[in-house]
Amino acid sequence: MTTDWDPWSYREQSGMTAQGSANLVGYSVEATDGGIGKVDEATNEVGSSYIVVDTGPWIFGKKVLLPAGTIDRVDVDGGNVYVDLTKDQIKDSPEFDQSSYNEPAYRNRVGDYYGRYYTR
């Protein structure tokens, strides 16, 4: 683990960049212990990239916000996004708020929550 993890930027190993990357909407999302849903929304903005995952029946149709820094790799040919978190880690994240998910306070909470799994 590293201390310079940036929640809102893609890691090099993901194969993604903020500009010029594939549109991830519709891709399946896989946690380390199984599928969690499909990408409902994605952005590739420099320093502000994320995906919103529609979890379907897994957690009763809720959505979760995953910062780009949680993405381990993307299989463009297979249409899959792999995150290096467990289902429980994702399920326990701050509740997705459609009205404020782009606001700094909410994004800070989400970044801080996931940061504990990537920084020491």
PDB file of N, CA and C in Angstrom:
ATOM      1  N   MET A   1       0.835  -1.180   0.000  1.00  0.00           N
ATOM      2  CA  MET A   1       0.000   0.000   0.000  1.00  0.00           C
ATOM      3  C   MET A   1       0.877   1.240   0.000  1.00  0.00           C
ATOM      4  N   THR A   2       0.290   2.308  -0.455  1.00  0.00           N
ATOM      5  CA  THR A   2       1.064   3.524  -0.628  1.00  0.00           C
ATOM      6  C   THR A   2       0.394   4.701   0.075  1.00  0.00           C
ATOM      7  N   THR A   3       1.181   5.704   0.378  1.00  0.00           N
ATOM      8  CA  THR A   3       0.613   6.883   1.031  1.00  0.00           C
ATOM      9  C   THR A   3       0.203   7.937   0.018  1.00  0.00           C
ATOM     10  N   ASP A   4       0.512   7.750  -1.264  1.00  0.00           N
ATOM     11  CA  ASP A   4       0.165   8.760  -2.248  1.00  0.00           C
ATOM     12  C   ASP A   4      -1.040   8.372  -3.094  1.00  0.00           C
ATOM     13  N   TRP A   5      -1.892   7.542  -2.589  1.00  0.00           N
ATOM     14  CA  TRP A   5      -3.107   7.131  -3.289  1.00  0.00           C
ATOM     15  C   TRP A   5      -4.027   8.331  -3.467  1.00  0.00           C
ATOM     16  N   ASP A   6      -4.522   8.524  -4.667  1.00  0.00           N
ATOM     17  CA  ASP A   6      -5.449   9.610  -4.976  1.00  0.00           C
ATOM     18  C   ASP A   6      -6.793   8.991  -5.327  1.00  0.00           C
ATOM     19  N   PRO A   7      -7.813   9.220  -4.516  1.00  0.00           N
ATOM     20  CA  PRO A   7      -9.085   8.555  -4.781  1.00  0.00           C
ATOM     21  C   PRO A   7      -9.700   8.924  -6.128  1.00  0.00           C
ATOM     22  N   TRP A   8      -9.454  10.104  -6.616  1.00  0.00           N
ATOM     23  CA  TRP A   8     -10.163  10.609  -7.791  1.00  0.00           C
ATOM     24  C   TRP A   8      -9.357  10.531  -9.078  1.00  0.00           C
ATOM     25  N   SER A   9      -8.266   9.773  -9.064  1.00  0.00           N
ATOM     26  CA  SER A   9      -7.457   9.572 -10.268  1.00  0.00           C
ATOM     27  C   SER A   9      -7.254   8.077 -10.493  1.00  0.00           C
ATOM     28  N   TYR A  10      -7.291   7.669 -11.765  1.00  0.00           N
ATOM     29  CA  TYR A  10      -7.059   6.267 -12.087  1.00  0.00           C
ATOM     30  C   TYR A  10      -5.623   5.886 -11.774  1.00  0.00           C
ATOM     31  N   ARG A  11      -5.445   4.706 -11.225  1.00  0.00           N
ATOM     32  CA  ARG A  11      -4.107   4.180 -11.003  1.00  0.00           C
ATOM     33  C   ARG A  11      -3.547   3.678 -12.340  1.00  0.00           C
ATOM     34  N   GLU A  12      -2.253   3.733 -12.490  1.00  0.00           N
ATOM     35  CA  GLU A  12      -1.615   3.363 -13.753  1.00  0.00           C
ATOM     36  C   GLU A  12      -1.993   1.955 -14.206  1.00  0.00           C
ATOM     37  N   GLN A  13      -2.048   1.007 -13.278  1.00  0.00           N
ATOM     38  CA  GLN A  13      -2.326  -0.380 -13.649  1.00  0.00           C
ATOM     39  C   GLN A  13      -3.742  -0.588 -14.168  1.00  0.00           C
ATOM     40  N   SER A  14      -4.645   0.383 -13.952  1.00  0.00           N
ATOM     41  CA  SER A  14      -6.028   0.221 -14.410  1.00  0.00           C
ATOM     42  C   SER A  14      -6.142   0.250 -15.922  1.00  0.00           C
ATOM     43  N   GLY A  15      -5.159   0.861 -16.580  1.00  0.00           N
ATOM     44  CA  GLY A  15      -5.231   0.996 -18.030  1.00  0.00           C
ATOM     45  C   GLY A  15      -6.079   2.169 -18.469  1.00  0.00           C
ATOM     46  N   MET A  16      -6.567   2.928 -17.507  1.00  0.00           N
ATOM     47  CA  MET A  16      -7.415   4.079 -17.788  1.00  0.00           C
ATOM     48  C   MET A  16      -6.625   5.364 -17.574  1.00  0.00           C
ATOM     49  N   THR A  17      -7.052   6.397 -18.272  1.00  0.00           N
ATOM     50  CA  THR A  17      -6.524   7.737 -18.040  1.00  0.00           C
ATOM     51  C   THR A  17      -7.709   8.674 -17.969  1.00  0.00           C
ATOM     52  N   ALA A  18      -7.481   9.835 -17.417  1.00  0.00           N
ATOM     53  CA  ALA A  18      -8.584  10.777 -17.274  1.00  0.00           C
ATOM     54  C   ALA A  18      -9.115  11.226 -18.635  1.00  0.00           C
ATOM     55  N   GLN A  19      -8.263  11.316 -19.609  1.00  0.00           N
ATOM     56  CA  GLN A  19      -8.717  11.757 -20.924  1.00  0.00           C
ATOM     57  C   GLN A  19      -8.458  10.672 -21.952  1.00  0.00           C
ATOM     58  N   GLY A  20      -9.419  10.458 -22.811  1.00  0.00           N
ATOM     59  CA  GLY A  20      -9.243   9.514 -23.900  1.00  0.00           C
ATOM     60  C   GLY A  20      -9.482   8.060 -23.545  1.00  0.00           C
ATOM     61  N   SER A  21     -10.065   7.785 -22.393  1.00  0.00           N
ATOM     62  CA  SER A  21     -10.316   6.402 -21.993  1.00  0.00           C
ATOM     63  C   SER A  21     -11.688   5.942 -22.469  1.00  0.00           C
ATOM     64  N   ALA A  22     -11.908   4.644 -22.362  1.00  0.00           N
ATOM     65  CA  ALA A  22     -13.183   4.048 -22.751  1.00  0.00           C
ATOM     66  C   ALA A  22     -14.313   4.580 -21.873  1.00  0.00           C
ATOM     67  N   ASN A  23     -15.501   4.629 -22.438  1.00  0.00           N
ATOM     68  CA  ASN A  23     -16.690   4.964 -21.670  1.00  0.00           C
ATOM     69  C   ASN A  23     -17.113   3.698 -20.931  1.00  0.00           C
ATOM     70  N   LEU A  24     -17.107   3.731 -19.619  1.00  0.00           N
ATOM     71  CA  LEU A  24     -17.356   2.545 -18.808  1.00  0.00           C
ATOM     72  C   LEU A  24     -18.833   2.277 -18.532  1.00  0.00           C
ATOM     73  N   VAL A  25     -19.728   3.144 -18.940  1.00  0.00           N
ATOM     74  CA  VAL A  25     -21.161   2.954 -18.686  1.00  0.00           C
ATOM     75  C   VAL A  25     -21.605   1.622 -19.299  1.00  0.00           C
ATOM     76  N   GLY A  26     -22.280   0.813 -18.478  1.00  0.00           N
ATOM     77  CA  GLY A  26     -22.758  -0.493 -18.897  1.00  0.00           C
ATOM     78  C   GLY A  26     -21.811  -1.640 -18.575  1.00  0.00           C
ATOM     79  N   TYR A  27     -20.564  -1.337 -18.200  1.00  0.00           N
ATOM     80  CA  TYR A  27     -19.611  -2.391 -17.841  1.00  0.00           C
ATOM     81  C   TYR A  27     -20.050  -3.062 -16.537  1.00  0.00           C
ATOM     82  N   SER A  28     -19.764  -4.339 -16.412  1.00  0.00           N
ATOM     83  CA  SER A  28     -19.984  -5.061 -15.156  1.00  0.00           C
ATOM     84  C   SER A  28     -18.857  -4.707 -14.195  1.00  0.00           C
ATOM     85  N   VAL A  29     -19.183  -4.651 -12.897  1.00  0.00           N
ATOM     86  CA  VAL A  29     -18.186  -4.314 -11.878  1.00  0.00           C
ATOM     87  C   VAL A  29     -17.993  -5.516 -10.967  1.00  0.00           C
ATOM     88  N   GLU A  30     -16.728  -5.898 -10.809  1.00  0.00           N
ATOM     89  CA  GLU A  30     -16.369  -7.055 -10.008  1.00  0.00           C
ATOM     90  C   GLU A  30     -15.529  -6.637  -8.808  1.00  0.00           C
ATOM     91  N   ALA A  31     -16.004  -6.999  -7.618  1.00  0.00           N
ATOM     92  CA  ALA A  31     -15.209  -6.840  -6.394  1.00  0.00           C
ATOM     93  C   ALA A  31     -14.295  -8.057  -6.293  1.00  0.00           C
ATOM     94  N   THR A  32     -13.453  -8.095  -5.278  1.00  0.00           N
ATOM     95  CA  THR A  32     -12.549  -9.239  -5.130  1.00  0.00           C
ATOM     96  C   THR A  32     -13.297 -10.533  -4.844  1.00  0.00           C
ATOM     97  N   ASP A  33     -14.532 -10.408  -4.349  1.00  0.00           N
ATOM     98  CA  ASP A  33     -15.306 -11.603  -4.002  1.00  0.00           C
ATOM     99  C   ASP A  33     -16.612 -11.723  -4.787  1.00  0.00           C
ATOM    100  N   GLY A  34     -16.663 -11.127  -5.972  1.00  0.00           N
ATOM    101  CA  GLY A  34     -17.836 -11.314  -6.828  1.00  0.00           C
ATOM    102  C   GLY A  34     -18.386 -10.030  -7.413  1.00  0.00           C
ATOM    103  N   GLY A  35     -19.359 -10.199  -8.288  1.00  0.00           N
ATOM    104  CA  GLY A  35     -19.965  -9.077  -8.984  1.00  0.00           C
ATOM    105  C   GLY A  35     -20.798  -8.200  -8.068  1.00  0.00           C
ATOM    106  N   ILE A  36     -20.799  -6.893  -8.356  1.00  0.00           N
ATOM    107  CA  ILE A  36     -21.596  -5.962  -7.543  1.00  0.00           C
ATOM    108  C   ILE A  36     -22.599  -5.166  -8.364  1.00  0.00           C
ATOM    109  N   GLY A  37     -22.529  -5.221  -9.678  1.00  0.00           N
ATOM    110  CA  GLY A  37     -23.496  -4.492 -10.482  1.00  0.00           C
ATOM    111  C   GLY A  37     -22.888  -3.979 -11.770  1.00  0.00           C
ATOM    112  N   LYS A  38     -23.545  -2.952 -12.319  1.00  0.00           N
ATOM    113  CA  LYS A  38     -23.111  -2.358 -13.589  1.00  0.00           C
ATOM    114  C   LYS A  38     -22.881  -0.867 -13.421  1.00  0.00           C
ATOM    115  N   VAL A  39     -21.946  -0.350 -14.222  1.00  0.00           N
ATOM    116  CA  VAL A  39     -21.659   1.082 -14.194  1.00  0.00           C
ATOM    117  C   VAL A  39     -22.851   1.827 -14.789  1.00  0.00           C
ATOM    118  N   ASP A  40     -23.410   2.731 -13.997  1.00  0.00           N
ATOM    119  CA  ASP A  40     -24.557   3.531 -14.400  1.00  0.00           C
ATOM    120  C   ASP A  40     -24.110   4.904 -14.920  1.00  0.00           C
ATOM    121  N   GLU A  41     -22.989   5.371 -14.384  1.00  0.00           N
ATOM    122  CA  GLU A  41     -22.453   6.674 -14.758  1.00  0.00           C
ATOM    123  C   GLU A  41     -20.947   6.625 -14.554  1.00  0.00           C
ATOM    124  N   ALA A  42     -20.216   7.338 -15.398  1.00  0.00           N
ATOM    125  CA  ALA A  42     -18.758   7.384 -15.261  1.00  0.00           C
ATOM    126  C   ALA A  42     -18.259   8.728 -15.754  1.00  0.00           C
ATOM    127  N   THR A  43     -17.196   9.186 -15.127  1.00  0.00           N
ATOM    128  CA  THR A  43     -16.559  10.411 -15.582  1.00  0.00           C
ATOM    129  C   THR A  43     -15.056  10.203 -15.619  1.00  0.00           C
ATOM    130  N   ASN A  44     -14.434  10.859 -16.553  1.00  0.00           N
ATOM    131  CA  ASN A  44     -12.984  10.769 -16.710  1.00  0.00           C
ATOM    132  C   ASN A  44     -12.348  12.139 -16.548  1.00  0.00           C
ATOM    133  N   GLU A  45     -12.900  12.963 -15.689  1.00  0.00           N
ATOM    134  CA  GLU A  45     -12.363  14.302 -15.462  1.00  0.00           C
ATOM    135  C   GLU A  45     -11.055  14.206 -14.682  1.00  0.00           C
ATOM    136  N   VAL A  46     -10.080  14.973 -15.102  1.00  0.00           N
ATOM    137  CA  VAL A  46      -8.779  14.986 -14.437  1.00  0.00           C
ATOM    138  C   VAL A  46      -8.959  15.332 -12.958  1.00  0.00           C
ATOM    139  N   GLY A  47      -8.467  14.447 -12.071  1.00  0.00           N
ATOM    140  CA  GLY A  47      -8.531  14.674 -10.632  1.00  0.00           C
ATOM    141  C   GLY A  47      -9.915  14.567 -10.027  1.00  0.00           C
ATOM    142  N   SER A  48     -10.888  14.092 -10.806  1.00  0.00           N
ATOM    143  CA  SER A  48     -12.262  14.015 -10.316  1.00  0.00           C
ATOM    144  C   SER A  48     -13.010  12.829 -10.936  1.00  0.00           C
ATOM    145  N   SER A  49     -12.297  11.765 -11.254  1.00  0.00           N
ATOM    146  CA  SER A  49     -12.899  10.626 -11.945  1.00  0.00           C
ATOM    147  C   SER A  49     -13.538   9.641 -10.966  1.00  0.00           C
ATOM    148  N   TYR A  50     -14.662   9.066 -11.391  1.00  0.00           N
ATOM    149  CA  TYR A  50     -15.378   8.096 -10.559  1.00  0.00           C
ATOM    150  C   TYR A  50     -16.325   7.294 -11.432  1.00  0.00           C
ATOM    151  N   ILE A  51     -16.883   6.242 -10.834  1.00  0.00           N
ATOM    152  CA  ILE A  51     -17.996   5.517 -11.441  1.00  0.00           C
ATOM    153  C   ILE A  51     -19.119   5.433 -10.408  1.00  0.00           C
ATOM    154  N   VAL A  52     -20.344   5.421 -10.901  1.00  0.00           N
ATOM    155  CA  VAL A  52     -21.512   5.163 -10.069  1.00  0.00           C
ATOM    156  C   VAL A  52     -22.014   3.789 -10.490  1.00  0.00           C
ATOM    157  N   VAL A  53     -22.138   2.893  -9.512  1.00  0.00           N
ATOM    158  CA  VAL A  53     -22.527   1.510  -9.799  1.00  0.00           C
ATOM    159  C   VAL A  53     -23.950   1.273  -9.317  1.00  0.00           C
ATOM    160  N   ASP A  54     -24.796   0.787 -10.234  1.00  0.00           N
ATOM    161  CA  ASP A  54     -26.146   0.355  -9.887  1.00  0.00           C
ATOM    162  C   ASP A  54     -26.012  -1.084  -9.421  1.00  0.00           C
ATOM    163  N   THR A  55     -26.266  -1.311  -8.138  1.00  0.00           N
ATOM    164  CA  THR A  55     -26.023  -2.629  -7.552  1.00  0.00           C
ATOM    165  C   THR A  55     -27.156  -3.622  -7.798  1.00  0.00           C
ATOM    166  N   GLY A  56     -28.245  -3.162  -8.385  1.00  0.00           N
ATOM    167  CA  GLY A  56     -29.348  -4.072  -8.662  1.00  0.00           C
ATOM    168  C   GLY A  56     -29.819  -4.740  -7.377  1.00  0.00           C
ATOM    169  N   PRO A  57     -30.115  -6.038  -7.412  1.00  0.00           N
ATOM    170  CA  PRO A  57     -30.637  -6.717  -6.223  1.00  0.00           C
ATOM    171  C   PRO A  57     -29.602  -6.973  -5.136  1.00  0.00           C
ATOM    172  N   TRP A  58     -28.321  -6.796  -5.461  1.00  0.00           N
ATOM    173  CA  TRP A  58     -27.283  -7.119  -4.479  1.00  0.00           C
ATOM    174  C   TRP A  58     -27.475  -6.346  -3.182  1.00  0.00           C
ATOM    175  N   ILE A  59     -27.648  -5.019  -3.248  1.00  0.00           N
ATOM    176  CA  ILE A  59     -27.999  -4.270  -2.035  1.00  0.00           C
ATOM    177  C   ILE A  59     -29.278  -3.467  -2.293  1.00  0.00           C
ATOM    178  N   PHE A  60     -30.285  -4.195  -2.737  1.00  0.00           N
ATOM    179  CA  PHE A  60     -31.634  -3.671  -2.896  1.00  0.00           C
ATOM    180  C   PHE A  60     -31.725  -2.472  -3.830  1.00  0.00           C
ATOM    181  N   GLY A  61     -31.037  -2.575  -4.954  1.00  0.00           N
ATOM    182  CA  GLY A  61     -31.184  -1.574  -5.992  1.00  0.00           C
ATOM    183  C   GLY A  61     -30.539  -0.234  -5.714  1.00  0.00           C
ATOM    184  N   LYS A  62     -29.670  -0.196  -4.756  1.00  0.00           N
ATOM    185  CA  LYS A  62     -29.003   1.062  -4.441  1.00  0.00           C
ATOM    186  C   LYS A  62     -27.838   1.295  -5.395  1.00  0.00           C
ATOM    187  N   LYS A  63     -27.352   2.513  -5.355  1.00  0.00           N
ATOM    188  CA  LYS A  63     -26.170   2.865  -6.123  1.00  0.00           C
ATOM    189  C   LYS A  63     -25.035   3.169  -5.156  1.00  0.00           C
ATOM    190  N   VAL A  64     -23.808   2.984  -5.634  1.00  0.00           N
ATOM    191  CA  VAL A  64     -22.628   3.330  -4.853  1.00  0.00           C
ATOM    192  C   VAL A  64     -21.681   4.133  -5.737  1.00  0.00           C
ATOM    193  N   LEU A  65     -20.985   5.062  -5.120  1.00  0.00           N
ATOM    194  CA  LEU A  65     -19.984   5.858  -5.805  1.00  0.00           C
ATOM    195  C   LEU A  65     -18.620   5.247  -5.527  1.00  0.00           C
ATOM    196  N   LEU A  66     -17.890   4.911  -6.581  1.00  0.00           N
ATOM    197  CA  LEU A  66     -16.545   4.371  -6.439  1.00  0.00           C
ATOM    198  C   LEU A  66     -15.568   5.336  -7.097  1.00  0.00           C
ATOM    199  N   PRO A  67     -14.683   5.925  -6.310  1.00  0.00           N
ATOM    200  CA  PRO A  67     -13.655   6.792  -6.900  1.00  0.00           C
ATOM    201  C   PRO A  67     -12.779   5.999  -7.869  1.00  0.00           C
ATOM    202  N   ALA A  68     -12.243   6.670  -8.871  1.00  0.00           N
ATOM    203  CA  ALA A  68     -11.408   6.016  -9.877  1.00  0.00           C
ATOM    204  C   ALA A  68     -10.223   5.286  -9.260  1.00  0.00           C
ATOM    205  N   GLY A  69      -9.713   5.773  -8.133  1.00  0.00           N
ATOM    206  CA  GLY A  69      -8.566   5.154  -7.482  1.00  0.00           C
ATOM    207  C   GLY A  69      -8.836   3.768  -6.930  1.00  0.00           C
ATOM    208  N   THR A  70     -10.103   3.367  -6.857  1.00  0.00           N
ATOM    209  CA  THR A  70     -10.436   2.023  -6.382  1.00  0.00           C
ATOM    210  C   THR A  70     -10.394   0.993  -7.498  1.00  0.00           C
ATOM    211  N   ILE A  71     -10.282   1.457  -8.737  1.00  0.00           N
ATOM    212  CA  ILE A  71     -10.298   0.554  -9.890  1.00  0.00           C
ATOM    213  C   ILE A  71      -8.908  -0.039 -10.090  1.00  0.00           C
ATOM    214  N   ASP A  72      -8.845  -1.358 -10.013  1.00  0.00           N
ATOM    215  CA  ASP A  72      -7.587  -2.071 -10.188  1.00  0.00           C
ATOM    216  C   ASP A  72      -7.250  -2.224 -11.669  1.00  0.00           C
ATOM    217  N   ARG A  73      -8.252  -2.645 -12.451  1.00  0.00           N
ATOM    218  CA  ARG A  73      -8.025  -2.798 -13.890  1.00  0.00           C
ATOM    219  C   ARG A  73      -9.357  -2.804 -14.628  1.00  0.00           C
ATOM    220  N   VAL A  74      -9.269  -2.548 -15.920  1.00  0.00           N
ATOM    221  CA  VAL A  74     -10.443  -2.535 -16.780  1.00  0.00           C
ATOM    222  C   VAL A  74     -10.192  -3.476 -17.949  1.00  0.00           C
ATOM    223  N   ASP A  75     -11.138  -4.375 -18.180  1.00  0.00           N
ATOM    224  CA  ASP A  75     -11.096  -5.266 -19.331  1.00  0.00           C
ATOM    225  C   ASP A  75     -12.051  -4.698 -20.375  1.00  0.00           C
ATOM    226  N   VAL A  76     -11.507  -3.901 -21.288  1.00  0.00           N
ATOM    227  CA  VAL A  76     -12.326  -3.230 -22.296  1.00  0.00           C
ATOM    228  C   VAL A  76     -13.002  -4.250 -23.198  1.00  0.00           C
ATOM    229  N   ASP A  77     -12.277  -5.278 -23.615  1.00  0.00           N
ATOM    230  CA  ASP A  77     -12.846  -6.288 -24.511  1.00  0.00           C
ATOM    231  C   ASP A  77     -13.975  -7.075 -23.847  1.00  0.00           C
ATOM    232  N   GLY A  78     -13.822  -7.370 -22.568  1.00  0.00           N
ATOM    233  CA  GLY A  78     -14.834  -8.139 -21.845  1.00  0.00           C
ATOM    234  C   GLY A  78     -15.913  -7.285 -21.197  1.00  0.00           C
ATOM    235  N   GLY A  79     -15.721  -5.967 -21.163  1.00  0.00           N
ATOM    236  CA  GLY A  79     -16.711  -5.074 -20.559  1.00  0.00           C
ATOM    237  C   GLY A  79     -16.786  -5.193 -19.050  1.00  0.00           C
ATOM    238  N   ASN A  80     -15.613  -5.373 -18.404  1.00  0.00           N
ATOM    239  CA  ASN A  80     -15.580  -5.526 -16.951  1.00  0.00           C
ATOM    240  C   ASN A  80     -14.648  -4.514 -16.304  1.00  0.00           C
ATOM    241  N   VAL A  81     -15.075  -4.026 -15.140  1.00  0.00           N
ATOM    242  CA  VAL A  81     -14.254  -3.170 -14.283  1.00  0.00           C
ATOM    243  C   VAL A  81     -13.973  -3.971 -13.021  1.00  0.00           C
ATOM    244  N   TYR A  82     -12.709  -4.059 -12.634  1.00  0.00           N
ATOM    245  CA  TYR A  82     -12.313  -4.804 -11.443  1.00  0.00           C
ATOM    246  C   TYR A  82     -11.819  -3.831 -10.381  1.00  0.00           C
ATOM    247  N   VAL A  83     -12.429  -3.904  -9.201  1.00  0.00           N
ATOM    248  CA  VAL A  83     -11.976  -3.094  -8.075  1.00  0.00           C
ATOM    249  C   VAL A  83     -11.338  -4.020  -7.056  1.00  0.00           C
ATOM    250  N   ASP A  84     -10.358  -3.517  -6.324  1.00  0.00           N
ATOM    251  CA  ASP A  84      -9.678  -4.377  -5.357  1.00  0.00           C
ATOM    252  C   ASP A  84     -10.212  -4.141  -3.951  1.00  0.00           C
ATOM    253  N   LEU A  85     -11.525  -4.226  -3.854  1.00  0.00           N
ATOM    254  CA  LEU A  85     -12.253  -4.120  -2.588  1.00  0.00           C
ATOM    255  C   LEU A  85     -13.228  -5.282  -2.500  1.00  0.00           C
ATOM    256  N   THR A  86     -13.627  -5.619  -1.283  1.00  0.00           N
ATOM    257  CA  THR A  86     -14.628  -6.666  -1.108  1.00  0.00           C
ATOM    258  C   THR A  86     -16.033  -6.066  -1.201  1.00  0.00           C
ATOM    259  N   LYS A  87     -17.007  -6.933  -1.361  1.00  0.00           N
ATOM    260  CA  LYS A  87     -18.393  -6.488  -1.389  1.00  0.00           C
ATOM    261  C   LYS A  87     -18.760  -5.754  -0.097  1.00  0.00           C
ATOM    262  N   ASP A  88     -18.325  -6.289   1.035  1.00  0.00           N
ATOM    263  CA  ASP A  88     -18.652  -5.647   2.319  1.00  0.00           C
ATOM    264  C   ASP A  88     -18.024  -4.264   2.440  1.00  0.00           C
ATOM    265  N   GLN A  89     -16.784  -4.112   1.961  1.00  0.00           N
ATOM    266  CA  GLN A  89     -16.155  -2.793   2.011  1.00  0.00           C
ATOM    267  C   GLN A  89     -16.957  -1.786   1.185  1.00  0.00           C
ATOM    268  N   ILE A  90     -17.447  -2.225   0.053  1.00  0.00           N
ATOM    269  CA  ILE A  90     -18.238  -1.346  -0.808  1.00  0.00           C
ATOM    270  C   ILE A  90     -19.606  -1.090  -0.184  1.00  0.00           C
ATOM    271  N   LYS A  91     -20.232  -2.126   0.334  1.00  0.00           N
ATOM    272  CA  LYS A  91     -21.568  -1.993   0.930  1.00  0.00           C
ATOM    273  C   LYS A  91     -21.552  -1.044   2.125  1.00  0.00           C
ATOM    274  N   ASP A  92     -20.449  -1.009   2.867  1.00  0.00           N
ATOM    275  CA  ASP A  92     -20.349  -0.175   4.066  1.00  0.00           C
ATOM    276  C   ASP A  92     -19.915   1.262   3.771  1.00  0.00           C
ATOM    277  N   SER A  93     -19.748   1.604   2.500  1.00  0.00           N
ATOM    278  CA  SER A  93     -19.319   2.963   2.129  1.00  0.00           C
ATOM    279  C   SER A  93     -20.430   3.972   2.414  1.00  0.00           C
ATOM    280  N   PRO A  94     -20.087   5.265   2.427  1.00  0.00           N
ATOM    281  CA  PRO A  94     -21.127   6.281   2.642  1.00  0.00           C
ATOM    282  C   PRO A  94     -22.268   6.109   1.637  1.00  0.00           C
ATOM    283  N   GLU A  95     -23.491   6.239   2.121  1.00  0.00           N
ATOM    284  CA  GLU A  95     -24.654   6.051   1.267  1.00  0.00           C
ATOM    285  C   GLU A  95     -24.629   7.040   0.103  1.00  0.00           C
ATOM    286  N   PHE A  96     -24.943   6.531  -1.088  1.00  0.00           N
ATOM    287  CA  PHE A  96     -24.965   7.370  -2.281  1.00  0.00           C
ATOM    288  C   PHE A  96     -26.094   8.384  -2.169  1.00  0.00           C
ATOM    289  N   ASP A  97     -25.781   9.636  -2.440  1.00  0.00           N
ATOM    290  CA  ASP A  97     -26.769  10.711  -2.391  1.00  0.00           C
ATOM    291  C   ASP A  97     -26.821  11.381  -3.756  1.00  0.00           C
ATOM    292  N   GLN A  98     -27.858  11.088  -4.502  1.00  0.00           N
ATOM    293  CA  GLN A  98     -28.010  11.600  -5.863  1.00  0.00           C
ATOM    294  C   GLN A  98     -27.933  13.125  -5.921  1.00  0.00           C
ATOM    295  N   SER A  99     -28.394  13.793  -4.871  1.00  0.00           N
ATOM    296  CA  SER A  99     -28.447  15.257  -4.904  1.00  0.00           C
ATOM    297  C   SER A  99     -27.126  15.922  -4.529  1.00  0.00           C
ATOM    298  N   SER A 100     -26.217  15.193  -3.893  1.00  0.00           N
ATOM    299  CA  SER A 100     -24.993  15.861  -3.436  1.00  0.00           C
ATOM    300  C   SER A 100     -23.700  15.114  -3.754  1.00  0.00           C
ATOM    301  N   TYR A 101     -23.768  14.094  -4.611  1.00  0.00           N
ATOM    302  CA  TYR A 101     -22.565  13.293  -4.816  1.00  0.00           C
ATOM    303  C   TYR A 101     -21.431  14.034  -5.518  1.00  0.00           C
ATOM    304  N   ASN A 102     -21.693  15.181  -6.087  1.00  0.00           N
ATOM    305  CA  ASN A 102     -20.619  15.967  -6.700  1.00  0.00           C
ATOM    306  C   ASN A 102     -20.128  17.093  -5.801  1.00  0.00           C
ATOM    307  N   GLU A 103     -20.700  17.213  -4.621  1.00  0.00           N
ATOM    308  CA  GLU A 103     -20.290  18.269  -3.699  1.00  0.00           C
ATOM    309  C   GLU A 103     -19.038  17.847  -2.922  1.00  0.00           C
ATOM    310  N   PRO A 104     -18.152  18.809  -2.639  1.00  0.00           N
ATOM    311  CA  PRO A 104     -16.883  18.495  -1.959  1.00  0.00           C
ATOM    312  C   PRO A 104     -17.039  17.744  -0.640  1.00  0.00           C
ATOM    313  N   ALA A 105     -18.001  18.098   0.189  1.00  0.00           N
ATOM    314  CA  ALA A 105     -18.141  17.449   1.498  1.00  0.00           C
ATOM    315  C   ALA A 105     -18.434  15.948   1.335  1.00  0.00           C
ATOM    316  N   TYR A 106     -19.348  15.620   0.441  1.00  0.00           N
ATOM    317  CA  TYR A 106     -19.672  14.212   0.217  1.00  0.00           C
ATOM    318  C   TYR A 106     -18.476  13.477  -0.383  1.00  0.00           C
ATOM    319  N   ARG A 107     -17.835  14.075  -1.364  1.00  0.00           N
ATOM    320  CA  ARG A 107     -16.686  13.444  -2.008  1.00  0.00           C
ATOM    321  C   ARG A 107     -15.541  13.251  -1.008  1.00  0.00           C
ATOM    322  N   ASN A 108     -15.366  14.178  -0.086  1.00  0.00           N
ATOM    323  CA  ASN A 108     -14.342  14.016   0.953  1.00  0.00           C
ATOM    324  C   ASN A 108     -14.655  12.813   1.838  1.00  0.00           C
ATOM    325  N   ARG A 109     -15.932  12.655   2.221  1.00  0.00           N
ATOM    326  CA  ARG A 109     -16.331  11.504   3.046  1.00  0.00           C
ATOM    327  C   ARG A 109     -16.042  10.194   2.318  1.00  0.00           C
ATOM    328  N   VAL A 110     -16.406  10.148   1.039  1.00  0.00           N
ATOM    329  CA  VAL A 110     -16.182   8.932   0.251  1.00  0.00           C
ATOM    330  C   VAL A 110     -14.684   8.663   0.093  1.00  0.00           C
ATOM    331  N   GLY A 111     -13.917   9.690  -0.237  1.00  0.00           N
ATOM    332  CA  GLY A 111     -12.466   9.534  -0.387  1.00  0.00           C
ATOM    333  C   GLY A 111     -11.806   9.091   0.898  1.00  0.00           C
ATOM    334  N   ASP A 112     -12.237   9.669   2.028  1.00  0.00           N
ATOM    335  CA  ASP A 112     -11.682   9.277   3.324  1.00  0.00           C
ATOM    336  C   ASP A 112     -12.034   7.826   3.662  1.00  0.00           C
ATOM    337  N   TYR A 113     -13.276   7.429   3.360  1.00  0.00           N
ATOM    338  CA  TYR A 113     -13.697   6.059   3.645  1.00  0.00           C
ATOM    339  C   TYR A 113     -12.818   5.064   2.884  1.00  0.00           C
ATOM    340  N   TYR A 114     -12.707   5.218   1.593  1.00  0.00           N
ATOM    341  CA  TYR A 114     -11.913   4.273   0.805  1.00  0.00           C
ATOM    342  C   TYR A 114     -10.434   4.416   1.052  1.00  0.00           C
ATOM    343  N   GLY A 115      -9.976   5.601   1.414  1.00  0.00           N
ATOM    344  CA  GLY A 115      -8.558   5.855   1.658  1.00  0.00           C
ATOM    345  C   GLY A 115      -7.970   4.941   2.716  1.00  0.00           C
ATOM    346  N   ARG A 116      -8.780   4.530   3.674  1.00  0.00           N
ATOM    347  CA  ARG A 116      -8.248   3.661   4.738  1.00  0.00           C
ATOM    348  C   ARG A 116      -7.780   2.310   4.198  1.00  0.00           C
ATOM    349  N   TYR A 117      -8.253   1.924   3.014  1.00  0.00           N
ATOM    350  CA  TYR A 117      -7.843   0.645   2.423  1.00  0.00           C
ATOM    351  C   TYR A 117      -6.612   0.784   1.536  1.00  0.00           C
ATOM    352  N   TYR A 118      -6.186   2.024   1.285  1.00  0.00           N
ATOM    353  CA  TYR A 118      -5.088   2.247   0.342  1.00  0.00           C
ATOM    354  C   TYR A 118      -3.907   2.991   0.939  1.00  0.00           C
ATOM    355  N   THR A 119      -4.039   3.587   2.100  1.00  0.00           N
ATOM    356  CA  THR A 119      -2.941   4.365   2.677  1.00  0.00           C
ATOM    357  C   THR A 119      -2.571   3.814   4.035  1.00  0.00           C
ATOM    358  N   ARG A 120      -1.347   4.027   4.379  1.00  0.00           N
ATOM    359  CA  ARG A 120      -0.852   3.606   5.702  1.00  0.00           C
ATOM    360  C   ARG A 120       0.063   4.679   6.220  1.00  0.00           C
TER     361      ARG A 120
END
